[in-house]
Amino acid sequence: AHDGISAAVRPAHTIWDGDTAFALATGETEADQRSIEAIA
């Protein structure tokens, strides 16, 4: 998710930022981790 922040915000994660990303997984289906992260 932080990679998504970096893709849309320039610059991100600076000394002035408090960028925070939460992840929630409800557990209904199996999926490849790489696919989930790329889509995220």
ModelCIF file with pLDDT and N, C-alpha, C, O atoms, coordinates in Angstrom:
data_MODEL
#
_entry.id   MODEL 
#
_entity.id                         1 
_entity.type                       polymer 
_entity.pdbx_number_of_molecules   1 
#
_entity_poly.entity_id                      1 
_entity_poly.type                           'polypeptide(L)' 
_entity_poly.nstd_linkage                   no 
_entity_poly.nstd_monomer                   no 
_entity_poly.pdbx_seq_one_letter_code       AHDGISAAVRPAHTIWDGDTAFALATGETEADQRSIEAIA 
_entity_poly.pdbx_seq_one_letter_code_can   AHDGISAAVRPAHTIWDGDTAFALATGETEADQRSIEAIA 
_entity_poly.pdbx_strand_id                 A 
#
loop_
_entity_poly_seq.entity_id 
_entity_poly_seq.num 
_entity_poly_seq.mon_id 
_entity_poly_seq.hetero 
1 1  ALA n 
1 2  HIS n 
1 3  ASP n 
1 4  GLY n 
1 5  ILE n 
1 6  SER n 
1 7  ALA n 
1 8  ALA n 
1 9  VAL n 
1 10 ARG n 
1 11 PRO n 
1 12 ALA n 
1 13 HIS n 
1 14 THR n 
1 15 ILE n 
1 16 TRP n 
1 17 ASP n 
1 18 GLY n 
1 19 ASP n 
1 20 THR n 
1 21 ALA n 
1 22 PHE n 
1 23 ALA n 
1 24 LEU n 
1 25 ALA n 
1 26 THR n 
1 27 GLY n 
1 28 GLU n 
1 29 THR n 
1 30 GLU n 
1 31 ALA n 
1 32 ASP n 
1 33 GLN n 
1 34 ARG n 
1 35 SER n 
1 36 ILE n 
1 37 GLU n 
1 38 ALA n 
1 39 ILE n 
1 40 ALA n 
#
_struct_asym.id          A 
_struct_asym.entity_id   1 
#
loop_
_ma_qa_metric.id 
_ma_qa_metric.mode 
_ma_qa_metric.name 
_ma_qa_metric.software_group_id 
_ma_qa_metric.type 
1 global pLDDT . pLDDT 
2 local  pLDDT . pLDDT 
#
_ma_qa_metric_global.metric_id      1 
_ma_qa_metric_global.metric_value   94.00 
_ma_qa_metric_global.model_id       1 
_ma_qa_metric_global.ordinal_id     1 
#
loop_
_ma_qa_metric_local.label_asym_id 
_ma_qa_metric_local.label_comp_id 
_ma_qa_metric_local.label_seq_id 
_ma_qa_metric_local.metric_id 
_ma_qa_metric_local.metric_value 
_ma_qa_metric_local.model_id 
_ma_qa_metric_local.ordinal_id 
A ALA 1  2 97.00 1 1  
A HIS 2  2 97.00 1 2  
A ASP 3  2 96.00 1 3  
A GLY 4  2 97.00 1 4  
A ILE 5  2 96.00 1 5  
A SER 6  2 95.00 1 6  
A ALA 7  2 96.00 1 7  
A ALA 8  2 96.00 1 8  
A VAL 9  2 94.00 1 9  
A ARG 10 2 91.00 1 10 
A PRO 11 2 88.00 1 11 
A ALA 12 2 89.00 1 12 
A HIS 13 2 89.00 1 13 
A THR 14 2 84.00 1 14 
A ILE 15 2 86.00 1 15 
A TRP 16 2 82.00 1 16 
A ASP 17 2 85.00 1 17 
A GLY 18 2 88.00 1 18 
A ASP 19 2 94.00 1 19 
A THR 20 2 96.00 1 20 
A ALA 21 2 97.00 1 21 
A PHE 22 2 98.00 1 22 
A ALA 23 2 98.00 1 23 
A LEU 24 2 98.00 1 24 
A ALA 25 2 98.00 1 25 
A THR 26 2 97.00 1 26 
A GLY 27 2 95.00 1 27 
A GLU 28 2 93.00 1 28 
A THR 29 2 95.00 1 29 
A GLU 30 2 95.00 1 30 
A ALA 31 2 95.00 1 31 
A ASP 32 2 94.00 1 32 
A GLN 33 2 95.00 1 33 
A ARG 34 2 95.00 1 34 
A SER 35 2 95.00 1 35 
A ILE 36 2 97.00 1 36 
A GLU 37 2 97.00 1 37 
A ALA 38 2 97.00 1 38 
A ILE 39 2 97.00 1 39 
A ALA 40 2 98.00 1 40 
#
loop_
_atom_site.group_PDB 
_atom_site.id 
_atom_site.type_symbol 
_atom_site.label_atom_id 
_atom_site.label_alt_id 
_atom_site.label_comp_id 
_atom_site.label_asym_id 
_atom_site.label_entity_id 
_atom_site.label_seq_id 
_atom_site.pdbx_PDB_ins_code 
_atom_site.Cartn_x 
_atom_site.Cartn_y 
_atom_site.Cartn_z 
_atom_site.occupancy 
_atom_site.B_iso_or_equiv 
_atom_site.pdbx_formal_charge 
_atom_site.auth_seq_id 
_atom_site.auth_comp_id 
_atom_site.auth_asym_id 
_atom_site.auth_atom_id 
_atom_site.pdbx_PDB_model_num 
ATOM 1   N N  . ALA A 1 1  ? 0.831   -1.202  0.000  1.00 97.00 ? 1  ALA A N  1 
ATOM 2   C CA . ALA A 1 1  ? 0.000   0.000   0.000  1.00 97.00 ? 1  ALA A CA 1 
ATOM 3   C C  . ALA A 1 1  ? 0.868   1.256   0.000  1.00 97.00 ? 1  ALA A C  1 
ATOM 4   O O  . ALA A 1 1  ? 0.515   2.256   -0.625 1.00 97.00 ? 1  ALA A O  1 
ATOM 5   N N  . HIS A 1 2  ? 1.997   1.206   0.696  1.00 97.00 ? 2  HIS A N  1 
ATOM 6   C CA . HIS A 1 2  ? 2.907   2.346   0.686  1.00 97.00 ? 2  HIS A CA 1 
ATOM 7   C C  . HIS A 1 2  ? 3.515   2.562   -0.698 1.00 97.00 ? 2  HIS A C  1 
ATOM 8   O O  . HIS A 1 2  ? 3.810   3.694   -1.081 1.00 97.00 ? 2  HIS A O  1 
ATOM 9   N N  . ASP A 1 3  ? 3.701   1.475   -1.446 1.00 96.00 ? 3  ASP A N  1 
ATOM 10  C CA . ASP A 1 3  ? 4.142   1.640   -2.832 1.00 96.00 ? 3  ASP A CA 1 
ATOM 11  C C  . ASP A 1 3  ? 3.087   2.392   -3.640 1.00 96.00 ? 3  ASP A C  1 
ATOM 12  O O  . ASP A 1 3  ? 3.420   3.175   -4.530 1.00 96.00 ? 3  ASP A O  1 
ATOM 13  N N  . GLY A 1 4  ? 1.820   2.151   -3.328 1.00 97.00 ? 4  GLY A N  1 
ATOM 14  C CA . GLY A 1 4  ? 0.747   2.897   -3.980 1.00 97.00 ? 4  GLY A CA 1 
ATOM 15  C C  . GLY A 1 4  ? 0.783   4.368   -3.621 1.00 97.00 ? 4  GLY A C  1 
ATOM 16  O O  . GLY A 1 4  ? 0.512   5.221   -4.466 1.00 97.00 ? 4  GLY A O  1 
ATOM 17  N N  . ILE A 1 5  ? 1.118   4.678   -2.358 1.00 96.00 ? 5  ILE A N  1 
ATOM 18  C CA . ILE A 1 5  ? 1.277   6.081   -1.966 1.00 96.00 ? 5  ILE A CA 1 
ATOM 19  C C  . ILE A 1 5  ? 2.400   6.729   -2.770 1.00 96.00 ? 5  ILE A C  1 
ATOM 20  O O  . ILE A 1 5  ? 2.251   7.835   -3.288 1.00 96.00 ? 5  ILE A O  1 
ATOM 21  N N  . SER A 1 6  ? 3.528   6.024   -2.866 1.00 95.00 ? 6  SER A N  1 
ATOM 22  C CA . SER A 1 6  ? 4.670   6.566   -3.601 1.00 95.00 ? 6  SER A CA 1 
ATOM 23  C C  . SER A 1 6  ? 4.362   6.760   -5.085 1.00 95.00 ? 6  SER A C  1 
ATOM 24  O O  . SER A 1 6  ? 4.908   7.658   -5.725 1.00 95.00 ? 6  SER A O  1 
ATOM 25  N N  . ALA A 1 7  ? 3.483   5.913   -5.628 1.00 96.00 ? 7  ALA A N  1 
ATOM 26  C CA . ALA A 1 7  ? 3.130   6.024   -7.045 1.00 96.00 ? 7  ALA A CA 1 
ATOM 27  C C  . ALA A 1 7  ? 2.285   7.261   -7.329 1.00 96.00 ? 7  ALA A C  1 
ATOM 28  O O  . ALA A 1 7  ? 2.309   7.785   -8.442 1.00 96.00 ? 7  ALA A O  1 
ATOM 29  N N  . ALA A 1 8  ? 1.539   7.730   -6.332 1.00 96.00 ? 8  ALA A N  1 
ATOM 30  C CA . ALA A 1 8  ? 0.613   8.831   -6.554 1.00 96.00 ? 8  ALA A CA 1 
ATOM 31  C C  . ALA A 1 8  ? 1.046   10.136  -5.912 1.00 96.00 ? 8  ALA A C  1 
ATOM 32  O O  . ALA A 1 8  ? 0.566   11.200  -6.303 1.00 96.00 ? 8  ALA A O  1 
ATOM 33  N N  . VAL A 1 9  ? 1.941   10.081  -4.938 1.00 94.00 ? 9  VAL A N  1 
ATOM 34  C CA . VAL A 1 9  ? 2.350   11.274  -4.197 1.00 94.00 ? 9  VAL A CA 1 
ATOM 35  C C  . VAL A 1 9  ? 3.859   11.444  -4.329 1.00 94.00 ? 9  VAL A C  1 
ATOM 36  O O  . VAL A 1 9  ? 4.620   10.527  -4.018 1.00 94.00 ? 9  VAL A O  1 
ATOM 37  N N  . ARG A 1 10 ? 4.291   12.612  -4.787 1.00 91.00 ? 10 ARG A N  1 
ATOM 38  C CA . ARG A 1 10 ? 5.718   12.904  -4.966 1.00 91.00 ? 10 ARG A CA 1 
ATOM 39  C C  . ARG A 1 10 ? 6.059   14.234  -4.290 1.00 91.00 ? 10 ARG A C  1 
ATOM 40  O O  . ARG A 1 10 ? 5.517   15.265  -4.689 1.00 91.00 ? 10 ARG A O  1 
ATOM 41  N N  . PRO A 1 11 ? 6.940   14.248  -3.279 1.00 88.00 ? 11 PRO A N  1 
ATOM 42  C CA . PRO A 1 11 ? 7.503   13.095  -2.590 1.00 88.00 ? 11 PRO A CA 1 
ATOM 43  C C  . PRO A 1 11 ? 6.547   12.581  -1.521 1.00 88.00 ? 11 PRO A C  1 
ATOM 44  O O  . PRO A 1 11 ? 5.614   13.271  -1.112 1.00 88.00 ? 11 PRO A O  1 
ATOM 45  N N  . ALA A 1 12 ? 6.802   11.355  -1.079 1.00 89.00 ? 12 ALA A N  1 
ATOM 46  C CA . ALA A 1 12 ? 6.052   10.763  0.031  1.00 89.00 ? 12 ALA A CA 1 
ATOM 47  C C  . ALA A 1 12 ? 7.044   10.321  1.100  1.00 89.00 ? 12 ALA A C  1 
ATOM 48  O O  . ALA A 1 12 ? 8.252   10.283  0.868  1.00 89.00 ? 12 ALA A O  1 
ATOM 49  N N  . HIS A 1 13 ? 6.513   9.989   2.273  1.00 89.00 ? 13 HIS A N  1 
ATOM 50  C CA . HIS A 1 13 ? 7.311   9.416   3.359  1.00 89.00 ? 13 HIS A CA 1 
ATOM 51  C C  . HIS A 1 13 ? 8.454   10.326  3.803  1.00 89.00 ? 13 HIS A C  1 
ATOM 52  O O  . HIS A 1 13 ? 9.533   9.842   4.146  1.00 89.00 ? 13 HIS A O  1 
ATOM 53  N N  . THR A 1 14 ? 8.226   11.634  3.799  1.00 84.00 ? 14 THR A N  1 
ATOM 54  C CA . THR A 1 14 ? 9.271   12.561  4.207  1.00 84.00 ? 14 THR A CA 1 
ATOM 55  C C  . THR A 1 14 ? 9.279   12.726  5.724  1.00 84.00 ? 14 THR A C  1 
ATOM 56  O O  . THR A 1 14 ? 8.438   12.165  6.426  1.00 84.00 ? 14 THR A O  1 
ATOM 57  N N  . ILE A 1 15 ? 10.238  13.502  6.217  1.00 86.00 ? 15 ILE A N  1 
ATOM 58  C CA . ILE A 1 15 ? 10.325  13.762  7.652  1.00 86.00 ? 15 ILE A CA 1 
ATOM 59  C C  . ILE A 1 15 ? 9.083   14.482  8.167  1.00 86.00 ? 15 ILE A C  1 
ATOM 60  O O  . ILE A 1 15 ? 8.783   14.431  9.360  1.00 86.00 ? 15 ILE A O  1 
ATOM 61  N N  . TRP A 1 16 ? 8.351   15.163  7.256  1.00 82.00 ? 16 TRP A N  1 
ATOM 62  C CA . TRP A 1 16 ? 7.156   15.899  7.645  1.00 82.00 ? 16 TRP A CA 1 
ATOM 63  C C  . TRP A 1 16 ? 5.892   15.047  7.552  1.00 82.00 ? 16 TRP A C  1 
ATOM 64  O O  . TRP A 1 16 ? 4.819   15.498  7.952  1.00 82.00 ? 16 TRP A O  1 
ATOM 65  N N  . ASP A 1 17 ? 5.999   13.838  7.038  1.00 85.00 ? 17 ASP A N  1 
ATOM 66  C CA . ASP A 1 17 ? 4.828   12.993  6.801  1.00 85.00 ? 17 ASP A CA 1 
ATOM 67  C C  . ASP A 1 17 ? 4.627   11.962  7.910  1.00 85.00 ? 17 ASP A C  1 
ATOM 68  O O  . ASP A 1 17 ? 5.577   11.535  8.566  1.00 85.00 ? 17 ASP A O  1 
ATOM 69  N N  . GLY A 1 18 ? 3.375   11.578  8.102  1.00 88.00 ? 18 GLY A N  1 
ATOM 70  C CA . GLY A 1 18 ? 3.042   10.488  9.012  1.00 88.00 ? 18 GLY A CA 1 
ATOM 71  C C  . GLY A 1 18 ? 2.285   9.406   8.263  1.00 88.00 ? 18 GLY A C  1 
ATOM 72  O O  . GLY A 1 18 ? 1.298   8.865   8.763  1.00 88.00 ? 18 GLY A O  1 
ATOM 73  N N  . ASP A 1 19 ? 2.757   9.090   7.050  1.00 94.00 ? 19 ASP A N  1 
ATOM 74  C CA . ASP A 1 19 ? 2.041   8.160   6.178  1.00 94.00 ? 19 ASP A CA 1 
ATOM 75  C C  . ASP A 1 19 ? 1.819   6.814   6.870  1.00 94.00 ? 19 ASP A C  1 
ATOM 76  O O  . ASP A 1 19 ? 2.757   6.198   7.376  1.00 94.00 ? 19 ASP A O  1 
ATOM 77  N N  . THR A 1 20 ? 0.574   6.377   6.880  1.00 96.00 ? 20 THR A N  1 
ATOM 78  C CA . THR A 1 20 ? 0.199   5.137   7.568  1.00 96.00 ? 20 THR A CA 1 
ATOM 79  C C  . THR A 1 20 ? -0.715  4.325   6.663  1.00 96.00 ? 20 THR A C  1 
ATOM 80  O O  . THR A 1 20 ? -1.678  4.846   6.100  1.00 96.00 ? 20 THR A O  1 
ATOM 81  N N  . ALA A 1 21 ? -0.399  3.040   6.533  1.00 97.00 ? 21 ALA A N  1 
ATOM 82  C CA . ALA A 1 21 ? -1.220  2.135   5.720  1.00 97.00 ? 21 ALA A CA 1 
ATOM 83  C C  . ALA A 1 21 ? -1.667  0.956   6.563  1.00 97.00 ? 21 ALA A C  1 
ATOM 84  O O  . ALA A 1 21 ? -0.847  0.279   7.183  1.00 97.00 ? 21 ALA A O  1 
ATOM 85  N N  . PHE A 1 22 ? -2.967  0.714   6.585  1.00 98.00 ? 22 PHE A N  1 
ATOM 86  C CA . PHE A 1 22 ? -3.551  -0.440  7.252  1.00 98.00 ? 22 PHE A CA 1 
ATOM 87  C C  . PHE A 1 22 ? -3.986  -1.449  6.192  1.00 98.00 ? 22 PHE A C  1 
ATOM 88  O O  . PHE A 1 22 ? -4.443  -1.068  5.115  1.00 98.00 ? 22 PHE A O  1 
ATOM 89  N N  . ALA A 1 23 ? -3.841  -2.726  6.499  1.00 98.00 ? 23 ALA A N  1 
ATOM 90  C CA . ALA A 1 23 ? -4.288  -3.799  5.602  1.00 98.00 ? 23 ALA A CA 1 
ATOM 91  C C  . ALA A 1 23 ? -5.298  -4.668  6.324  1.00 98.00 ? 23 ALA A C  1 
ATOM 92  O O  . ALA A 1 23 ? -5.090  -5.050  7.476  1.00 98.00 ? 23 ALA A O  1 
ATOM 93  N N  . LEU A 1 24 ? -6.395  -4.981  5.644  1.00 98.00 ? 24 LEU A N  1 
ATOM 94  C CA . LEU A 1 24 ? -7.460  -5.834  6.174  1.00 98.00 ? 24 LEU A CA 1 
ATOM 95  C C  . LEU A 1 24 ? -7.683  -7.000  5.218  1.00 98.00 ? 24 LEU A C  1 
ATOM 96  O O  . LEU A 1 24 ? -7.771  -6.805  4.006  1.00 98.00 ? 24 LEU A O  1 
ATOM 97  N N  . ALA A 1 25 ? -7.774  -8.209  5.761  1.00 98.00 ? 25 ALA A N  1 
ATOM 98  C CA . ALA A 1 25 ? -8.020  -9.402  4.949  1.00 98.00 ? 25 ALA A CA 1 
ATOM 99  C C  . ALA A 1 25 ? -9.171  -10.190 5.564  1.00 98.00 ? 25 ALA A C  1 
ATOM 100 O O  . ALA A 1 25 ? -9.063  -10.701 6.679  1.00 98.00 ? 25 ALA A O  1 
ATOM 101 N N  . THR A 1 26 ? -10.275 -10.280 4.823  1.00 97.00 ? 26 THR A N  1 
ATOM 102 C CA . THR A 1 26 ? -11.479 -10.912 5.378  1.00 97.00 ? 26 THR A CA 1 
ATOM 103 C C  . THR A 1 26 ? -11.490 -12.433 5.228  1.00 97.00 ? 26 THR A C  1 
ATOM 104 O O  . THR A 1 26 ? -12.290 -13.102 5.882  1.00 97.00 ? 26 THR A O  1 
ATOM 105 N N  . GLY A 1 27 ? -10.614 -12.999 4.373  1.00 95.00 ? 27 GLY A N  1 
ATOM 106 C CA . GLY A 1 27 ? -10.398 -14.440 4.351  1.00 95.00 ? 27 GLY A CA 1 
ATOM 107 C C  . GLY A 1 27 ? -11.414 -15.262 3.608  1.00 95.00 ? 27 GLY A C  1 
ATOM 108 O O  . GLY A 1 27 ? -11.670 -16.403 3.995  1.00 95.00 ? 27 GLY A O  1 
ATOM 109 N N  . GLU A 1 28 ? -12.010 -14.734 2.550  1.00 93.00 ? 28 GLU A N  1 
ATOM 110 C CA . GLU A 1 28 ? -13.044 -15.473 1.836  1.00 93.00 ? 28 GLU A CA 1 
ATOM 111 C C  . GLU A 1 28 ? -12.518 -16.306 0.670  1.00 93.00 ? 28 GLU A C  1 
ATOM 112 O O  . GLU A 1 28 ? -13.167 -17.265 0.252  1.00 93.00 ? 28 GLU A O  1 
ATOM 113 N N  . THR A 1 29 ? -11.345 -15.947 0.142  1.00 95.00 ? 29 THR A N  1 
ATOM 114 C CA . THR A 1 29 ? -10.858 -16.638 -1.045 1.00 95.00 ? 29 THR A CA 1 
ATOM 115 C C  . THR A 1 29 ? -9.343  -16.751 -1.005 1.00 95.00 ? 29 THR A C  1 
ATOM 116 O O  . THR A 1 29 ? -8.669  -15.963 -0.341 1.00 95.00 ? 29 THR A O  1 
ATOM 117 N N  . GLU A 1 30 ? -8.813  -17.735 -1.719 1.00 95.00 ? 30 GLU A N  1 
ATOM 118 C CA . GLU A 1 30 ? -7.369  -17.887 -1.850 1.00 95.00 ? 30 GLU A CA 1 
ATOM 119 C C  . GLU A 1 30 ? -6.889  -17.066 -3.049 1.00 95.00 ? 30 GLU A C  1 
ATOM 120 O O  . GLU A 1 30 ? -7.570  -16.987 -4.071 1.00 95.00 ? 30 GLU A O  1 
ATOM 121 N N  . ALA A 1 31 ? -5.716  -16.461 -2.911 1.00 95.00 ? 31 ALA A N  1 
ATOM 122 C CA . ALA A 1 31 ? -5.167  -15.662 -4.002 1.00 95.00 ? 31 ALA A CA 1 
ATOM 123 C C  . ALA A 1 31 ? -3.659  -15.597 -3.869 1.00 95.00 ? 31 ALA A C  1 
ATOM 124 O O  . ALA A 1 31 ? -3.111  -15.690 -2.771 1.00 95.00 ? 31 ALA A O  1 
ATOM 125 N N  . ASP A 1 32 ? -3.001  -15.435 -4.999 1.00 94.00 ? 32 ASP A N  1 
ATOM 126 C CA . ASP A 1 32 ? -1.556  -15.312 -5.032 1.00 94.00 ? 32 ASP A CA 1 
ATOM 127 C C  . ASP A 1 32 ? -1.127  -13.980 -4.422 1.00 94.00 ? 32 ASP A C  1 
ATOM 128 O O  . ASP A 1 32 ? -1.674  -12.930 -4.758 1.00 94.00 ? 32 ASP A O  1 
ATOM 129 N N  . GLN A 1 33 ? -0.145  -14.030 -3.524 1.00 95.00 ? 33 GLN A N  1 
ATOM 130 C CA . GLN A 1 33 ? 0.290   -12.821 -2.832 1.00 95.00 ? 33 GLN A CA 1 
ATOM 131 C C  . GLN A 1 33 ? 0.772   -11.751 -3.796 1.00 95.00 ? 33 GLN A C  1 
ATOM 132 O O  . GLN A 1 33 ? 0.473   -10.571 -3.616 1.00 95.00 ? 33 GLN A O  1 
ATOM 133 N N  . ARG A 1 34 ? 1.514   -12.154 -4.816 1.00 95.00 ? 34 ARG A N  1 
ATOM 134 C CA . ARG A 1 34 ? 2.031   -11.164 -5.760 1.00 95.00 ? 34 ARG A CA 1 
ATOM 135 C C  . ARG A 1 34 ? 0.901   -10.461 -6.495 1.00 95.00 ? 34 ARG A C  1 
ATOM 136 O O  . ARG A 1 34 ? 0.981   -9.261  -6.756 1.00 95.00 ? 34 ARG A O  1 
ATOM 137 N N  . SER A 1 35 ? -0.135  -11.189 -6.824 1.00 95.00 ? 35 SER A N  1 
ATOM 138 C CA . SER A 1 35 ? -1.273  -10.574 -7.505 1.00 95.00 ? 35 SER A CA 1 
ATOM 139 C C  . SER A 1 35 ? -1.987  -9.588  -6.591 1.00 95.00 ? 35 SER A C  1 
ATOM 140 O O  . SER A 1 35 ? -2.358  -8.492  -7.012 1.00 95.00 ? 35 SER A O  1 
ATOM 141 N N  . ILE A 1 36 ? -2.174  -9.986  -5.342 1.00 97.00 ? 36 ILE A N  1 
ATOM 142 C CA . ILE A 1 36 ? -2.848  -9.099  -4.389 1.00 97.00 ? 36 ILE A CA 1 
ATOM 143 C C  . ILE A 1 36 ? -2.075  -7.799  -4.239 1.00 97.00 ? 36 ILE A C  1 
ATOM 144 O O  . ILE A 1 36 ? -2.655  -6.714  -4.278 1.00 97.00 ? 36 ILE A O  1 
ATOM 145 N N  . GLU A 1 37 ? -0.763  -7.913  -4.067 1.00 97.00 ? 37 GLU A N  1 
ATOM 146 C CA . GLU A 1 37 ? 0.052   -6.724  -3.849 1.00 97.00 ? 37 GLU A CA 1 
ATOM 147 C C  . GLU A 1 37 ? 0.079   -5.829  -5.082 1.00 97.00 ? 37 GLU A C  1 
ATOM 148 O O  . GLU A 1 37 ? -0.003  -4.607  -4.959 1.00 97.00 ? 37 GLU A O  1 
ATOM 149 N N  . ALA A 1 38 ? 0.192   -6.424  -6.268 1.00 97.00 ? 38 ALA A N  1 
ATOM 150 C CA . ALA A 1 38 ? 0.219   -5.622  -7.493 1.00 97.00 ? 38 ALA A CA 1 
ATOM 151 C C  . ALA A 1 38 ? -1.085  -4.849  -7.671 1.00 97.00 ? 38 ALA A C  1 
ATOM 152 O O  . ALA A 1 38 ? -1.072  -3.675  -8.039 1.00 97.00 ? 38 ALA A O  1 
ATOM 153 N N  . ILE A 1 39 ? -2.198  -5.507  -7.409 1.00 97.00 ? 39 ILE A N  1 
ATOM 154 C CA . ILE A 1 39 ? -3.499  -4.838  -7.531 1.00 97.00 ? 39 ILE A CA 1 
ATOM 155 C C  . ILE A 1 39 ? -3.639  -3.771  -6.454 1.00 97.00 ? 39 ILE A C  1 
ATOM 156 O O  . ILE A 1 39 ? -4.206  -2.707  -6.701 1.00 97.00 ? 39 ILE A O  1 
ATOM 157 N N  . ALA A 1 40 ? -3.121  -4.052  -5.256 1.00 98.00 ? 40 ALA A N  1 
ATOM 158 C CA . ALA A 1 40 ? -3.220  -3.083  -4.161 1.00 98.00 ? 40 ALA A CA 1 
ATOM 159 C C  . ALA A 1 40 ? -2.486  -1.792  -4.488 1.00 98.00 ? 40 ALA A C  1 
ATOM 160 O O  . ALA A 1 40 ? -2.468  -0.868  -3.675 1.00 98.00 ? 40 ALA A O  1 
#
